[in-house]
Amino acid sequence: GERDPALVEHDQVVADALKLVHDVGGEQDGLVPTAANGMPAFGHYRRDPDGSGHVPWALIVIGVSGGRITSLNNFLDVDRLFPLFGLPARLEEGAGQPEQAGQLA
């Protein structure tokens, strides 16, 4: 179904913050929003060095307190974690924005 427009806007604000402080989300990277333990999170994908598309790189969990980002935690066990969070195993080139994998709580 349709996502709450406020959540979509929130996802973009967090993604923009990640671009600034964590050097992700550039032209070579992909971010798919999800949630972990009630906190906003993103599946982070890097360009596949063997061809087109993007492969999993990290699960980024964002600590938030008082409306501010207080921490960025990276979990690199993507083979185990991405399926648990409903994140795609791969982002194909030219597929447009990936389907929403989860909802921010």
PDB file of N, CA and C in Angstrom:
ATOM      1  N   GLY A   1       0.797  -1.177   0.000  1.00  0.00           N
ATOM      2  CA  GLY A   1       0.000   0.000   0.000  1.00  0.00           C
ATOM      3  C   GLY A   1       0.849   1.254   0.000  1.00  0.00           C
ATOM      4  N   GLU A   2       0.164   2.354  -0.023  1.00  0.00           N
ATOM      5  CA  GLU A   2       0.834   3.653  -0.023  1.00  0.00           C
ATOM      6  C   GLU A   2       1.443   3.945   1.340  1.00  0.00           C
ATOM      7  N   ARG A   3       2.634   4.548   1.328  1.00  0.00           N
ATOM      8  CA  ARG A   3       3.287   4.951   2.573  1.00  0.00           C
ATOM      9  C   ARG A   3       2.843   6.346   2.951  1.00  0.00           C
ATOM     10  N   ASP A   4       2.851   6.620   4.231  1.00  0.00           N
ATOM     11  CA  ASP A   4       2.559   7.951   4.750  1.00  0.00           C
ATOM     12  C   ASP A   4       3.565   8.929   4.148  1.00  0.00           C
ATOM     13  N   PRO A   5       3.106  10.028   3.515  1.00  0.00           N
ATOM     14  CA  PRO A   5       4.037  10.989   2.909  1.00  0.00           C
ATOM     15  C   PRO A   5       5.069  11.535   3.902  1.00  0.00           C
ATOM     16  N   ALA A   6       4.702  11.642   5.168  1.00  0.00           N
ATOM     17  CA  ALA A   6       5.661  12.123   6.173  1.00  0.00           C
ATOM     18  C   ALA A   6       6.809  11.135   6.329  1.00  0.00           C
ATOM     19  N   LEU A   7       6.521   9.829   6.245  1.00  0.00           N
ATOM     20  CA  LEU A   7       7.588   8.831   6.341  1.00  0.00           C
ATOM     21  C   LEU A   7       8.489   8.877   5.121  1.00  0.00           C
ATOM     22  N   VAL A   8       7.903   9.082   3.948  1.00  0.00           N
ATOM     23  CA  VAL A   8       8.706   9.184   2.728  1.00  0.00           C
ATOM     24  C   VAL A   8       9.636  10.387   2.836  1.00  0.00           C
ATOM     25  N   GLU A   9       9.115  11.523   3.297  1.00  0.00           N
ATOM     26  CA  GLU A   9       9.939  12.717   3.471  1.00  0.00           C
ATOM     27  C   GLU A   9      11.016  12.455   4.522  1.00  0.00           C
ATOM     28  N   HIS A  10      10.674  11.777   5.617  1.00  0.00           N
ATOM     29  CA  HIS A  10      11.632  11.446   6.662  1.00  0.00           C
ATOM     30  C   HIS A  10      12.757  10.589   6.101  1.00  0.00           C
ATOM     31  N   ASP A  11      12.404   9.587   5.279  1.00  0.00           N
ATOM     32  CA  ASP A  11      13.420   8.737   4.649  1.00  0.00           C
ATOM     33  C   ASP A  11      14.410   9.579   3.862  1.00  0.00           C
ATOM     34  N   GLN A  12      13.904  10.569   3.109  1.00  0.00           N
ATOM     35  CA  GLN A  12      14.778  11.404   2.286  1.00  0.00           C
ATOM     36  C   GLN A  12      15.675  12.274   3.153  1.00  0.00           C
ATOM     37  N   VAL A  13      15.149  12.808   4.238  1.00  0.00           N
ATOM     38  CA  VAL A  13      15.970  13.618   5.150  1.00  0.00           C
ATOM     39  C   VAL A  13      17.103  12.782   5.729  1.00  0.00           C
ATOM     40  N   VAL A  14      16.784  11.554   6.160  1.00  0.00           N
ATOM     41  CA  VAL A  14      17.812  10.686   6.727  1.00  0.00           C
ATOM     42  C   VAL A  14      18.823  10.294   5.652  1.00  0.00           C
ATOM     43  N   ALA A  15      18.351   9.979   4.450  1.00  0.00           N
ATOM     44  CA  ALA A  15      19.269   9.630   3.364  1.00  0.00           C
ATOM     45  C   ALA A  15      20.194  10.799   3.048  1.00  0.00           C
ATOM     46  N   ASP A  16      19.657  12.014   3.029  1.00  0.00           N
ATOM     47  CA  ASP A  16      20.504  13.190   2.790  1.00  0.00           C
ATOM     48  C   ASP A  16      21.545  13.349   3.884  1.00  0.00           C
ATOM     49  N   ALA A  17      21.149  13.093   5.136  1.00  0.00           N
ATOM     50  CA  ALA A  17      22.106  13.184   6.242  1.00  0.00           C
ATOM     51  C   ALA A  17      23.203  12.133   6.085  1.00  0.00           C
ATOM     52  N   LEU A  18      22.820  10.932   5.669  1.00  0.00           N
ATOM     53  CA  LEU A  18      23.824   9.885   5.454  1.00  0.00           C
ATOM     54  C   LEU A  18      24.816  10.283   4.374  1.00  0.00           C
ATOM     55  N   LYS A  19      24.345  10.924   3.332  1.00  0.00           N
ATOM     56  CA  LYS A  19      25.237  11.371   2.264  1.00  0.00           C
ATOM     57  C   LYS A  19      26.286  12.333   2.826  1.00  0.00           C
ATOM     58  N   LEU A  20      25.869  13.191   3.730  1.00  0.00           N
ATOM     59  CA  LEU A  20      26.770  14.192   4.284  1.00  0.00           C
ATOM     60  C   LEU A  20      27.756  13.622   5.292  1.00  0.00           C
ATOM     61  N   VAL A  21      27.273  12.779   6.201  1.00  0.00           N
ATOM     62  CA  VAL A  21      28.136  12.352   7.307  1.00  0.00           C
ATOM     63  C   VAL A  21      28.745  10.976   7.129  1.00  0.00           C
ATOM     64  N   HIS A  22      28.248  10.220   6.166  1.00  0.00           N
ATOM     65  CA  HIS A  22      28.725   8.846   6.052  1.00  0.00           C
ATOM     66  C   HIS A  22      29.214   8.514   4.652  1.00  0.00           C
ATOM     67  N   ASP A  23      29.182   9.477   3.739  1.00  0.00           N
ATOM     68  CA  ASP A  23      29.674   9.300   2.377  1.00  0.00           C
ATOM     69  C   ASP A  23      29.001   8.129   1.675  1.00  0.00           C
ATOM     70  N   VAL A  24      27.694   8.003   1.837  1.00  0.00           N
ATOM     71  CA  VAL A  24      26.948   6.982   1.105  1.00  0.00           C
ATOM     72  C   VAL A  24      25.831   7.646   0.328  1.00  0.00           C
ATOM     73  N   GLY A  25      25.213   6.867  -0.510  1.00  0.00           N
ATOM     74  CA  GLY A  25      24.048   7.357  -1.243  1.00  0.00           C
ATOM     75  C   GLY A  25      24.410   8.161  -2.472  1.00  0.00           C
ATOM     76  N   GLY A  26      25.675   8.163  -2.854  1.00  0.00           N
ATOM     77  CA  GLY A  26      26.088   8.859  -4.057  1.00  0.00           C
ATOM     78  C   GLY A  26      25.629   8.109  -5.289  1.00  0.00           C
ATOM     79  N   GLU A  27      26.072   8.570  -6.417  1.00  0.00           N
ATOM     80  CA  GLU A  27      25.670   7.968  -7.684  1.00  0.00           C
ATOM     81  C   GLU A  27      26.030   6.494  -7.750  1.00  0.00           C
ATOM     82  N   GLN A  28      27.087   6.093  -7.059  1.00  0.00           N
ATOM     83  CA  GLN A  28      27.539   4.713  -7.106  1.00  0.00           C
ATOM     84  C   GLN A  28      26.863   3.829  -6.062  1.00  0.00           C
ATOM     85  N   ASP A  29      26.135   4.391  -5.131  1.00  0.00           N
ATOM     86  CA  ASP A  29      25.541   3.632  -4.039  1.00  0.00           C
ATOM     87  C   ASP A  29      24.027   3.620  -4.129  1.00  0.00           C
ATOM     88  N   GLY A  30      23.406   2.680  -3.403  1.00  0.00           N
ATOM     89  CA  GLY A  30      21.963   2.620  -3.287  1.00  0.00           C
ATOM     90  C   GLY A  30      21.584   2.470  -1.826  1.00  0.00           C
ATOM     91  N   LEU A  31      20.487   3.094  -1.426  1.00  0.00           N
ATOM     92  CA  LEU A  31      19.974   3.009  -0.063  1.00  0.00           C
ATOM     93  C   LEU A  31      18.523   2.568  -0.111  1.00  0.00           C
ATOM     94  N   VAL A  32      18.184   1.556   0.692  1.00  0.00           N
ATOM     95  CA  VAL A  32      16.803   1.082   0.790  1.00  0.00           C
ATOM     96  C   VAL A  32      16.381   1.206   2.246  1.00  0.00           C
ATOM     97  N   PRO A  33      15.366   2.033   2.542  1.00  0.00           N
ATOM     98  CA  PRO A  33      14.954   2.231   3.935  1.00  0.00           C
ATOM     99  C   PRO A  33      14.293   0.994   4.532  1.00  0.00           C
ATOM    100  N   THR A  34      14.529   0.786   5.825  1.00  0.00           N
ATOM    101  CA  THR A  34      13.894  -0.268   6.598  1.00  0.00           C
ATOM    102  C   THR A  34      13.893   0.208   8.051  1.00  0.00           C
ATOM    103  N   ALA A  35      13.709  -0.678   8.996  1.00  0.00           N
ATOM    104  CA  ALA A  35      13.773  -0.335  10.422  1.00  0.00           C
ATOM    105  C   ALA A  35      14.415  -1.494  11.161  1.00  0.00           C
ATOM    106  N   ALA A  36      15.099  -1.174  12.254  1.00  0.00           N
ATOM    107  CA  ALA A  36      15.741  -2.190  13.089  1.00  0.00           C
ATOM    108  C   ALA A  36      15.526  -1.813  14.550  1.00  0.00           C
ATOM    109  N   ASN A  37      14.872  -2.696  15.297  1.00  0.00           N
ATOM    110  CA  ASN A  37      14.579  -2.431  16.712  1.00  0.00           C
ATOM    111  C   ASN A  37      13.891  -1.086  16.912  1.00  0.00           C
ATOM    112  N   GLY A  38      12.990  -0.744  15.999  1.00  0.00           N
ATOM    113  CA  GLY A  38      12.242   0.499  16.103  1.00  0.00           C
ATOM    114  C   GLY A  38      13.013   1.730  15.679  1.00  0.00           C
ATOM    115  N   MET A  39      14.243   1.550  15.203  1.00  0.00           N
ATOM    116  CA  MET A  39      15.061   2.683  14.755  1.00  0.00           C
ATOM    117  C   MET A  39      15.127   2.696  13.237  1.00  0.00           C
ATOM    118  N   PRO A  40      15.259   3.884  12.640  1.00  0.00           N
ATOM    119  CA  PRO A  40      15.414   3.933  11.193  1.00  0.00           C
ATOM    120  C   PRO A  40      16.702   3.234  10.774  1.00  0.00           C
ATOM    121  N   ALA A  41      16.641   2.591   9.632  1.00  0.00           N
ATOM    122  CA  ALA A  41      17.804   1.871   9.116  1.00  0.00           C
ATOM    123  C   ALA A  41      17.747   1.880   7.591  1.00  0.00           C
ATOM    124  N   PHE A  42      18.883   1.577   6.980  1.00  0.00           N
ATOM    125  CA  PHE A  42      18.966   1.486   5.528  1.00  0.00           C
ATOM    126  C   PHE A  42      19.820   0.293   5.143  1.00  0.00           C
ATOM    127  N   GLY A  43      19.390  -0.407   4.095  1.00  0.00           N
ATOM    128  CA  GLY A  43      20.279  -1.340   3.430  1.00  0.00           C
ATOM    129  C   GLY A  43      21.151  -0.499   2.515  1.00  0.00           C
ATOM    130  N   HIS A  44      22.461  -0.631   2.641  1.00  0.00           N
ATOM    131  CA  HIS A  44      23.414   0.133   1.834  1.00  0.00           C
ATOM    132  C   HIS A  44      23.993  -0.804   0.783  1.00  0.00           C
ATOM    133  N   TYR A  45      23.891  -0.393  -0.471  1.00  0.00           N
ATOM    134  CA  TYR A  45      24.364  -1.185  -1.599  1.00  0.00           C
ATOM    135  C   TYR A  45      25.464  -0.432  -2.328  1.00  0.00           C
ATOM    136  N   ARG A  46      26.476  -1.166  -2.751  1.00  0.00           N
ATOM    137  CA  ARG A  46      27.561  -0.599  -3.565  1.00  0.00           C
ATOM    138  C   ARG A  46      27.466  -1.167  -4.969  1.00  0.00           C
ATOM    139  N   ARG A  47      27.983  -0.398  -5.919  1.00  0.00           N
ATOM    140  CA  ARG A  47      27.995  -0.872  -7.308  1.00  0.00           C
ATOM    141  C   ARG A  47      28.714  -2.210  -7.385  1.00  0.00           C
ATOM    142  N   ASP A  48      28.128  -3.143  -8.120  1.00  0.00           N
ATOM    143  CA  ASP A  48      28.722  -4.461  -8.314  1.00  0.00           C
ATOM    144  C   ASP A  48      29.968  -4.318  -9.174  1.00  0.00           C
ATOM    145  N   PRO A  49      31.148  -4.684  -8.643  1.00  0.00           N
ATOM    146  CA  PRO A  49      32.382  -4.520  -9.424  1.00  0.00           C
ATOM    147  C   PRO A  49      32.439  -5.446 -10.639  1.00  0.00           C
ATOM    148  N   ASP A  50      31.594  -6.481 -10.660  1.00  0.00           N
ATOM    149  CA  ASP A  50      31.614  -7.447 -11.758  1.00  0.00           C
ATOM    150  C   ASP A  50      30.589  -7.152 -12.847  1.00  0.00           C
ATOM    151  N   GLY A  51      29.884  -6.053 -12.735  1.00  0.00           N
ATOM    152  CA  GLY A  51      28.878  -5.745 -13.755  1.00  0.00           C
ATOM    153  C   GLY A  51      27.962  -4.635 -13.312  1.00  0.00           C
ATOM    154  N   SER A  52      26.768  -4.638 -13.875  1.00  0.00           N
ATOM    155  CA  SER A  52      25.820  -3.579 -13.534  1.00  0.00           C
ATOM    156  C   SER A  52      25.056  -3.949 -12.265  1.00  0.00           C
ATOM    157  N   GLY A  53      24.361  -2.985 -11.740  1.00  0.00           N
ATOM    158  CA  GLY A  53      23.575  -3.209 -10.532  1.00  0.00           C
ATOM    159  C   GLY A  53      24.395  -2.956  -9.272  1.00  0.00           C
ATOM    160  N   HIS A  54      23.767  -3.248  -8.134  1.00  0.00           N
ATOM    161  CA  HIS A  54      24.370  -2.994  -6.826  1.00  0.00           C
ATOM    162  C   HIS A  54      24.230  -4.223  -5.945  1.00  0.00           C
ATOM    163  N   VAL A  55      25.238  -4.462  -5.118  1.00  0.00           N
ATOM    164  CA  VAL A  55      25.248  -5.601  -4.198  1.00  0.00           C
ATOM    165  C   VAL A  55      25.255  -5.092  -2.756  1.00  0.00           C
ATOM    166  N   PRO A  56      24.743  -5.893  -1.815  1.00  0.00           N
ATOM    167  CA  PRO A  56      24.704  -5.472  -0.416  1.00  0.00           C
ATOM    168  C   PRO A  56      26.093  -5.142   0.131  1.00  0.00           C
ATOM    169  N   TRP A  57      26.139  -4.083   0.942  1.00  0.00           N
ATOM    170  CA  TRP A  57      27.390  -3.651   1.561  1.00  0.00           C
ATOM    171  C   TRP A  57      27.270  -3.618   3.082  1.00  0.00           C
ATOM    172  N   ALA A  58      26.190  -3.009   3.598  1.00  0.00           N
ATOM    173  CA  ALA A  58      26.032  -2.884   5.051  1.00  0.00           C
ATOM    174  C   ALA A  58      24.584  -2.576   5.389  1.00  0.00           C
ATOM    175  N   LEU A  59      24.189  -2.950   6.602  1.00  0.00           N
ATOM    176  CA  LEU A  59      22.941  -2.488   7.184  1.00  0.00           C
ATOM    177  C   LEU A  59      23.331  -1.330   8.089  1.00  0.00           C
ATOM    178  N   ILE A  60      22.793  -0.150   7.815  1.00  0.00           N
ATOM    179  CA  ILE A  60      23.097   1.044   8.606  1.00  0.00           C
ATOM    180  C   ILE A  60      21.906   1.304   9.519  1.00  0.00           C
ATOM    181  N   VAL A  61      22.131   1.255  10.824  1.00  0.00           N
ATOM    182  CA  VAL A  61      21.087   1.532  11.812  1.00  0.00           C
ATOM    183  C   VAL A  61      21.381   2.898  12.417  1.00  0.00           C
ATOM    184  N   ILE A  62      20.368   3.748  12.446  1.00  0.00           N
ATOM    185  CA  ILE A  62      20.537   5.139  12.859  1.00  0.00           C
ATOM    186  C   ILE A  62      19.923   5.339  14.231  1.00  0.00           C
ATOM    187  N   GLY A  63      20.766   5.712  15.190  1.00  0.00           N
ATOM    188  CA  GLY A  63      20.276   6.049  16.517  1.00  0.00           C
ATOM    189  C   GLY A  63      19.740   7.463  16.512  1.00  0.00           C
ATOM    190  N   VAL A  64      18.527   7.638  17.044  1.00  0.00           N
ATOM    191  CA  VAL A  64      17.889   8.952  17.081  1.00  0.00           C
ATOM    192  C   VAL A  64      17.428   9.219  18.500  1.00  0.00           C
ATOM    193  N   SER A  65      17.716  10.415  18.992  1.00  0.00           N
ATOM    194  CA  SER A  65      17.259  10.837  20.311  1.00  0.00           C
ATOM    195  C   SER A  65      16.922  12.317  20.242  1.00  0.00           C
ATOM    196  N   GLY A  66      15.757  12.674  20.746  1.00  0.00           N
ATOM    197  CA  GLY A  66      15.351  14.077  20.740  1.00  0.00           C
ATOM    198  C   GLY A  66      15.275  14.665  19.343  1.00  0.00           C
ATOM    199  N   GLY A  67      14.943  13.819  18.349  1.00  0.00           N
ATOM    200  CA  GLY A  67      14.826  14.302  16.984  1.00  0.00           C
ATOM    201  C   GLY A  67      16.148  14.505  16.273  1.00  0.00           C
ATOM    202  N   ARG A  68      17.245  14.058  16.895  1.00  0.00           N
ATOM    203  CA  ARG A  68      18.572  14.218  16.286  1.00  0.00           C
ATOM    204  C   ARG A  68      19.230  12.865  16.077  1.00  0.00           C
ATOM    205  N   ILE A  69      20.021  12.774  15.025  1.00  0.00           N
ATOM    206  CA  ILE A  69      20.801  11.566  14.794  1.00  0.00           C
ATOM    207  C   ILE A  69      21.931  11.542  15.811  1.00  0.00           C
ATOM    208  N   THR A  70      21.994  10.465  16.598  1.00  0.00           N
ATOM    209  CA  THR A  70      23.017  10.357  17.636  1.00  0.00           C
ATOM    210  C   THR A  70      24.069   9.307  17.330  1.00  0.00           C
ATOM    211  N   SER A  71      23.753   8.388  16.409  1.00  0.00           N
ATOM    212  CA  SER A  71      24.746   7.374  16.049  1.00  0.00           C
ATOM    213  C   SER A  71      24.413   6.758  14.705  1.00  0.00           C
ATOM    214  N   LEU A  72      25.448   6.249  14.046  1.00  0.00           N
ATOM    215  CA  LEU A  72      25.319   5.456  12.827  1.00  0.00           C
ATOM    216  C   LEU A  72      26.070   4.164  13.086  1.00  0.00           C
ATOM    217  N   ASN A  73      25.354   3.048  13.032  1.00  0.00           N
ATOM    218  CA  ASN A  73      25.968   1.755  13.287  1.00  0.00           C
ATOM    219  C   ASN A  73      25.886   0.911  12.026  1.00  0.00           C
ATOM    220  N   ASN A  74      27.033   0.390  11.596  1.00  0.00           N
ATOM    221  CA  ASN A  74      27.111  -0.424  10.387  1.00  0.00           C
ATOM    222  C   ASN A  74      27.266  -1.885  10.761  1.00  0.00           C
ATOM    223  N   PHE A  75      26.444  -2.718  10.140  1.00  0.00           N
ATOM    224  CA  PHE A  75      26.522  -4.159  10.338  1.00  0.00           C
ATOM    225  C   PHE A  75      26.827  -4.773   8.980  1.00  0.00           C
ATOM    226  N   LEU A  76      27.942  -5.479   8.890  1.00  0.00           N
ATOM    227  CA  LEU A  76      28.443  -5.955   7.611  1.00  0.00           C
ATOM    228  C   LEU A  76      28.064  -7.390   7.283  1.00  0.00           C
ATOM    229  N   ASP A  77      27.377  -8.082   8.163  1.00  0.00           N
ATOM    230  CA  ASP A  77      26.978  -9.467   7.924  1.00  0.00           C
ATOM    231  C   ASP A  77      25.731  -9.484   7.032  1.00  0.00           C
ATOM    232  N   VAL A  78      25.889  -8.953   5.811  1.00  0.00           N
ATOM    233  CA  VAL A  78      24.741  -8.737   4.936  1.00  0.00           C
ATOM    234  C   VAL A  78      24.100 -10.038   4.461  1.00  0.00           C
ATOM    235  N   ASP A  79      24.875 -11.099   4.316  1.00  0.00           N
ATOM    236  CA  ASP A  79      24.291 -12.374   3.876  1.00  0.00           C
ATOM    237  C   ASP A  79      23.260 -12.879   4.878  1.00  0.00           C
ATOM    238  N   ARG A  80      23.480 -12.628   6.145  1.00  0.00           N
ATOM    239  CA  ARG A  80      22.551 -13.056   7.188  1.00  0.00           C
ATOM    240  C   ARG A  80      21.470 -12.011   7.445  1.00  0.00           C
ATOM    241  N   LEU A  81      21.859 -10.724   7.474  1.00  0.00           N
ATOM    242  CA  LEU A  81      20.938  -9.671   7.910  1.00  0.00           C
ATOM    243  C   LEU A  81      19.946  -9.204   6.848  1.00  0.00           C
ATOM    244  N   PHE A  82      20.375  -9.058   5.608  1.00  0.00           N
ATOM    245  CA  PHE A  82      19.469  -8.501   4.600  1.00  0.00           C
ATOM    246  C   PHE A  82      18.187  -9.320   4.465  1.00  0.00           C
ATOM    247  N   PRO A  83      18.251 -10.651   4.406  1.00  0.00           N
ATOM    248  CA  PRO A  83      16.994 -11.412   4.336  1.00  0.00           C
ATOM    249  C   PRO A  83      16.101 -11.211   5.561  1.00  0.00           C
ATOM    250  N   LEU A  84      16.702 -11.047   6.733  1.00  0.00           N
ATOM    251  CA  LEU A  84      15.911 -10.844   7.958  1.00  0.00           C
ATOM    252  C   LEU A  84      15.121  -9.539   7.927  1.00  0.00           C
ATOM    253  N   PHE A  85      15.636  -8.547   7.189  1.00  0.00           N
ATOM    254  CA  PHE A  85      14.989  -7.241   7.115  1.00  0.00           C
ATOM    255  C   PHE A  85      14.211  -7.057   5.811  1.00  0.00           C
ATOM    256  N   GLY A  86      14.077  -8.131   5.035  1.00  0.00           N
ATOM    257  CA  GLY A  86      13.323  -8.051   3.794  1.00  0.00           C
ATOM    258  C   GLY A  86      13.999  -7.219   2.724  1.00  0.00           C
ATOM    259  N   LEU A  87      15.316  -7.052   2.842  1.00  0.00           N
ATOM    260  CA  LEU A  87      16.058  -6.245   1.865  1.00  0.00           C
ATOM    261  C   LEU A  87      16.429  -7.098   0.659  1.00  0.00           C
ATOM    262  N   PRO A  88      16.364  -6.514  -0.543  1.00  0.00           N
ATOM    263  CA  PRO A  88      16.697  -7.273  -1.746  1.00  0.00           C
ATOM    264  C   PRO A  88      18.148  -7.748  -1.740  1.00  0.00           C
ATOM    265  N   ALA A  89      18.379  -8.907  -2.356  1.00  0.00           N
ATOM    266  CA  ALA A  89      19.729  -9.462  -2.458  1.00  0.00           C
ATOM    267  C   ALA A  89      20.565  -8.687  -3.466  1.00  0.00           C
ATOM    268  N   ARG A  90      19.923  -7.866  -4.280  1.00  0.00           N
ATOM    269  CA  ARG A  90      20.618  -7.118  -5.323  1.00  0.00           C
ATOM    270  C   ARG A  90      19.697  -6.011  -5.820  1.00  0.00           C
ATOM    271  N   LEU A  91      20.262  -4.873  -6.220  1.00  0.00           N
ATOM    272  CA  LEU A  91      19.514  -3.811  -6.895  1.00  0.00           C
ATOM    273  C   LEU A  91      19.977  -3.797  -8.340  1.00  0.00           C
ATOM    274  N   GLU A  92      19.051  -3.994  -9.253  1.00  0.00           N
ATOM    275  CA  GLU A  92      19.413  -4.037 -10.669  1.00  0.00           C
ATOM    276  C   GLU A  92      19.556  -2.634 -11.237  1.00  0.00           C
ATOM    277  N   GLU A  93      20.442  -2.489 -12.183  1.00  0.00           N
ATOM    278  CA  GLU A  93      20.678  -1.222 -12.874  1.00  0.00           C
ATOM    279  C   GLU A  93      19.434  -0.822 -13.644  1.00  0.00           C
ATOM    280  N   GLY A  94      19.061   0.461 -13.549  1.00  0.00           N
ATOM    281  CA  GLY A  94      17.951   0.970 -14.331  1.00  0.00           C
ATOM    282  C   GLY A  94      16.581   0.526 -13.848  1.00  0.00           C
ATOM    283  N   ALA A  95      16.532  -0.108 -12.683  1.00  0.00           N
ATOM    284  CA  ALA A  95      15.245  -0.593 -12.172  1.00  0.00           C
ATOM    285  C   ALA A  95      14.460   0.518 -11.493  1.00  0.00           C
ATOM    286  N   GLY A  96      15.036   1.710 -11.405  1.00  0.00           N
ATOM    287  CA  GLY A  96      14.361   2.800 -10.708  1.00  0.00           C
ATOM    288  C   GLY A  96      14.524   2.625  -9.208  1.00  0.00           C
ATOM    289  N   GLN A  97      13.672   3.283  -8.463  1.00  0.00           N
ATOM    290  CA  GLN A  97      13.738   3.161  -7.008  1.00  0.00           C
ATOM    291  C   GLN A  97      13.272   1.779  -6.612  1.00  0.00           C
ATOM    292  N   PRO A  98      13.999   1.119  -5.697  1.00  0.00           N
ATOM    293  CA  PRO A  98      13.563  -0.203  -5.249  1.00  0.00           C
ATOM    294  C   PRO A  98      12.274  -0.095  -4.444  1.00  0.00           C
ATOM    295  N   GLU A  99      11.545  -1.181  -4.412  1.00  0.00           N
ATOM    296  CA  GLU A  99      10.332  -1.229  -3.589  1.00  0.00           C
ATOM    297  C   GLU A  99      10.728  -1.006  -2.132  1.00  0.00           C
ATOM    298  N   GLN A 100       9.840  -0.405  -1.392  1.00  0.00           N
ATOM    299  CA  GLN A 100      10.082  -0.180   0.036  1.00  0.00           C
ATOM    300  C   GLN A 100      10.214  -1.524   0.734  1.00  0.00           C
ATOM    301  N   ALA A 101      11.345  -1.733   1.410  1.00  0.00           N
ATOM    302  CA  ALA A 101      11.583  -3.013   2.056  1.00  0.00           C
ATOM    303  C   ALA A 101      10.967  -3.078   3.443  1.00  0.00           C
ATOM    304  N   GLY A 102      10.811  -1.962   4.111  1.00  0.00           N
ATOM    305  CA  GLY A 102      10.268  -1.953   5.458  1.00  0.00           C
ATOM    306  C   GLY A 102       9.681  -0.589   5.743  1.00  0.00           C
ATOM    307  N   GLN A 103       9.231  -0.410   6.935  1.00  0.00           N
ATOM    308  CA  GLN A 103       8.691   0.890   7.317  1.00  0.00           C
ATOM    309  C   GLN A 103       9.459   1.415   8.508  1.00  0.00           C
ATOM    310  N   LEU A 104       9.686   2.714   8.498  1.00  0.00           N
ATOM    311  CA  LEU A 104      10.326   3.350   9.641  1.00  0.00           C
ATOM    312  C   LEU A 104       9.302   3.457  10.753  1.00  0.00           C
ATOM    313  N   ALA A 105       9.725   3.117  11.951  1.00  0.00           N
ATOM    314  CA  ALA A 105       8.808   3.170  13.094  1.00  0.00           C
ATOM    315  C   ALA A 105       8.975   4.471  13.843  1.00  0.00           C
TER     316      ALA A 105
END
